Amino acid sequence: MQKDALTTLARAAKKMGLATGVQTNGVYPGTLAALIDAKLIDRVALDVKARWARYNNLLGGNYVTNVQRSLDLCKQAHASGALPEFEVVITLFRGYDDEVPVIASEAGNVDIVLQQGVTQQVPPLSEQELKDIAGNLCRSMKIRTREGGEIVYESDRSRRAARKR
């Protein structure tokens, strides 16, 4: 939203020898493109809130196209080496675990983080419940909770698939 300010800040950080990163909802792909093209960003954590069919309703605006562009941009930049670190963060709330396989499919081969969604209205998913959800996918994932911090979770299915390769 504040591309010029963010670019200035990233440029100053780079001049000081610091690594830079953003956690973003992806609604401003032009800002991400500017940072990547100028080699001012080392890491992007892109929050993907829901499957595309629910996105605009959930966020109350027309954001799907921009977030999809941000996702594609970051995936391509990561694959080419222009973006050293990239992960898709899914902040997961109880009752929406069916979103995870759809979002993971859209993310492709980039790192996925299941992040415990916390709200006053609904009890958050436990670390074990997040592990159970992650276990249905044949890939490793990071899981972040208030209680346990961040762990790398590898399902039995992903370990078996890795052994077969």
Protein backbone atom coordinates (compact mmCIF):
# COMPACT_ATOMS: atom_id res chain seq x y z
CA MET A 1 0.00 0.00 0.00
CA GLN A 2 2.98 2.31 0.65
CA LYS A 3 5.34 1.15 -2.09
CA ASP A 4 7.65 4.19 -2.02
CA ALA A 5 8.10 4.11 1.75
CA LEU A 6 8.67 0.35 1.78
CA THR A 7 11.16 0.55 -1.08
CA THR A 8 13.06 3.33 0.70
CA LEU A 9 13.13 1.33 3.93
CA ALA A 10 14.27 -1.85 2.16
CA ARG A 11 16.97 0.03 0.29
CA ALA A 12 18.29 1.52 3.56
CA ALA A 13 18.26 -1.91 5.22
CA LYS A 14 20.17 -3.43 2.31
CA LYS A 15 22.79 -0.65 2.49
CA MET A 16 23.29 -1.60 6.15
CA GLY A 17 23.84 -5.23 5.12
CA LEU A 18 20.54 -6.47 6.54
CA ALA A 19 18.30 -9.12 5.04
CA THR A 20 14.78 -7.93 4.28
CA GLY A 21 11.42 -9.61 4.27
CA VAL A 22 7.71 -8.92 4.27
CA GLN A 23 4.65 -10.75 5.43
CA THR A 24 1.83 -9.65 3.16
CA ASN A 25 -1.73 -10.39 2.15
CA GLY A 26 -0.62 -9.96 -1.47
CA VAL A 27 -3.20 -7.38 -2.55
CA TYR A 28 -0.44 -5.11 -3.92
CA PRO A 29 1.50 -7.23 -6.43
CA GLY A 30 3.09 -4.11 -7.94
CA THR A 31 4.86 -3.42 -4.66
CA LEU A 32 6.19 -6.98 -4.48
CA ALA A 33 7.31 -6.77 -8.11
CA ALA A 34 9.16 -3.51 -7.46
CA LEU A 35 10.96 -4.96 -4.43
CA ILE A 36 11.91 -8.16 -6.24
CA ASP A 37 12.99 -6.40 -9.45
CA ALA A 38 15.21 -4.01 -7.48
CA LYS A 39 16.67 -6.97 -5.51
CA LEU A 40 15.54 -5.36 -2.25
CA ILE A 41 13.72 -8.34 -0.76
CA ASP A 42 15.07 -11.65 0.53
CA ARG A 43 11.94 -13.23 1.95
CA VAL A 44 8.20 -13.10 1.37
CA ALA A 45 5.56 -14.76 3.54
CA LEU A 46 2.31 -14.57 1.59
CA ASP A 47 -0.88 -15.03 3.59
CA VAL A 48 -3.46 -16.89 1.54
CA LYS A 49 -6.69 -16.54 3.47
CA ALA A 50 -8.99 -19.04 1.75
CA ARG A 51 -9.73 -20.84 -1.48
CA TRP A 52 -10.30 -18.39 -4.33
CA ALA A 53 -14.07 -18.99 -4.45
CA ARG A 54 -14.43 -17.60 -0.89
CA TYR A 55 -11.76 -14.92 -1.02
CA ASN A 56 -13.63 -11.81 -2.06
CA ASN A 57 -16.53 -12.53 0.27
CA LEU A 58 -14.17 -13.16 3.18
CA LEU A 59 -12.18 -9.95 2.64
CA GLY A 60 -15.10 -7.79 1.54
CA GLY A 61 -13.52 -6.67 -1.72
CA ASN A 62 -12.30 -7.78 -5.13
CA TYR A 63 -8.82 -9.08 -4.27
CA VAL A 64 -8.54 -12.53 -5.85
CA THR A 65 -6.80 -11.42 -9.03
CA ASN A 66 -4.20 -9.36 -7.17
CA VAL A 67 -3.40 -12.13 -4.68
CA GLN A 68 -3.15 -14.65 -7.50
CA ARG A 69 -0.73 -12.33 -9.31
CA SER A 70 1.33 -11.96 -6.13
CA LEU A 71 1.41 -15.73 -5.68
CA ASP A 72 2.51 -16.32 -9.28
CA LEU A 73 5.08 -13.53 -9.11
CA CYS A 74 6.63 -14.89 -5.91
CA LYS A 75 6.61 -18.50 -7.14
CA GLN A 76 8.40 -17.49 -10.35
CA ALA A 77 10.88 -15.24 -8.54
CA HIS A 78 11.62 -17.99 -6.01
CA ALA A 79 12.08 -20.62 -8.74
CA SER A 80 14.49 -18.34 -10.62
CA GLY A 81 16.47 -17.46 -7.49
CA ALA A 82 15.43 -13.79 -7.54
CA LEU A 83 13.54 -14.35 -4.27
CA PRO A 84 15.66 -16.50 -1.94
CA GLU A 85 12.89 -17.39 0.54
CA PHE A 86 9.17 -17.73 -0.09
CA GLU A 87 6.40 -19.36 1.91
CA VAL A 88 2.63 -19.44 1.78
CA VAL A 89 1.03 -18.95 5.18
CA ILE A 90 -2.44 -20.37 5.83
CA THR A 91 -3.93 -18.96 9.01
CA LEU A 92 -6.37 -21.71 9.81
CA PHE A 93 -9.53 -21.43 11.86
CA ARG A 94 -11.67 -24.28 13.13
CA GLY A 95 -14.07 -25.58 10.47
CA TYR A 96 -11.97 -24.52 7.47
CA ASP A 97 -9.51 -27.41 7.26
CA ASP A 98 -10.93 -28.33 3.83
CA GLU A 99 -9.24 -25.15 2.53
CA VAL A 100 -5.73 -26.49 3.14
CA PRO A 101 -5.44 -28.99 0.23
CA VAL A 102 -6.84 -26.43 -2.21
CA ILE A 103 -4.45 -23.69 -1.10
CA ALA A 104 -1.51 -26.12 -0.98
CA SER A 105 -2.26 -27.14 -4.55
CA GLU A 106 -2.25 -23.48 -5.64
CA ALA A 107 1.04 -22.90 -3.78
CA GLY A 108 2.79 -25.70 -5.61
CA ASN A 109 6.23 -26.69 -4.34
CA VAL A 110 6.89 -23.70 -2.08
CA ASP A 111 7.00 -23.96 1.70
CA ILE A 112 3.61 -24.02 3.42
CA VAL A 113 2.93 -22.82 6.94
CA LEU A 114 -0.20 -23.79 8.85
CA GLN A 115 -0.65 -21.02 11.35
CA GLN A 116 -3.05 -21.33 14.25
CA GLY A 117 -5.87 -18.82 13.80
CA VAL A 118 -6.94 -17.25 17.07
CA THR A 119 -10.22 -15.47 17.67
CA GLN A 120 -12.41 -14.86 20.71
CA GLN A 121 -15.44 -16.59 19.17
CA VAL A 122 -14.00 -20.02 18.36
CA PRO A 123 -11.39 -22.13 20.20
CA PRO A 124 -8.17 -22.35 18.13
CA LEU A 125 -7.03 -25.58 16.56
CA SER A 126 -4.46 -27.38 18.70
CA GLU A 127 -1.00 -28.32 17.47
CA GLN A 128 -2.16 -31.93 17.21
CA GLU A 129 -5.21 -30.95 15.15
CA LEU A 130 -2.96 -28.96 12.81
CA LYS A 131 -0.64 -31.99 12.54
CA ASP A 132 -3.65 -34.15 11.67
CA ILE A 133 -4.64 -31.71 8.91
CA ALA A 134 -1.06 -31.51 7.61
CA GLY A 135 -0.79 -35.30 7.72
CA ASN A 136 -3.40 -35.60 4.97
CA LEU A 137 -1.00 -33.98 2.52
CA CYS A 138 2.06 -35.71 1.15
CA ARG A 139 4.52 -32.97 2.03
CA SER A 140 6.34 -31.41 4.93
CA MET A 141 4.93 -28.22 6.40
CA LYS A 142 5.69 -25.75 9.12
CA ILE A 143 3.13 -25.48 11.90
CA ARG A 144 2.92 -22.37 14.08
CA THR A 145 0.96 -22.22 17.32
CA ARG A 146 0.96 -19.99 20.36
CA GLU A 147 1.75 -22.94 22.60
CA GLY A 148 4.50 -24.65 20.64
CA GLY A 149 5.96 -21.94 18.44
CA GLU A 150 7.08 -23.18 15.04
CA ILE A 151 7.81 -26.80 14.18
CA VAL A 152 8.52 -28.57 10.92
CA TYR A 153 6.03 -31.36 10.46
CA GLU A 154 6.59 -34.23 8.09
CA SER A 155 3.71 -36.64 7.66
CA ASP A 156 4.22 -40.40 7.40
CA ARG A 157 2.97 -40.14 3.80
CA SER A 158 5.60 -37.53 2.89
CA ARG A 159 8.36 -39.65 4.49
CA ARG A 160 7.23 -42.71 2.52
CA ALA A 161 7.11 -40.70 -0.72
CA ALA A 162 10.63 -39.36 -0.07
CA ARG A 163 11.95 -42.91 0.46
CA LYS A 164 10.43 -44.08 -2.85
CA ARG A 165 12.26 -41.36 -4.81
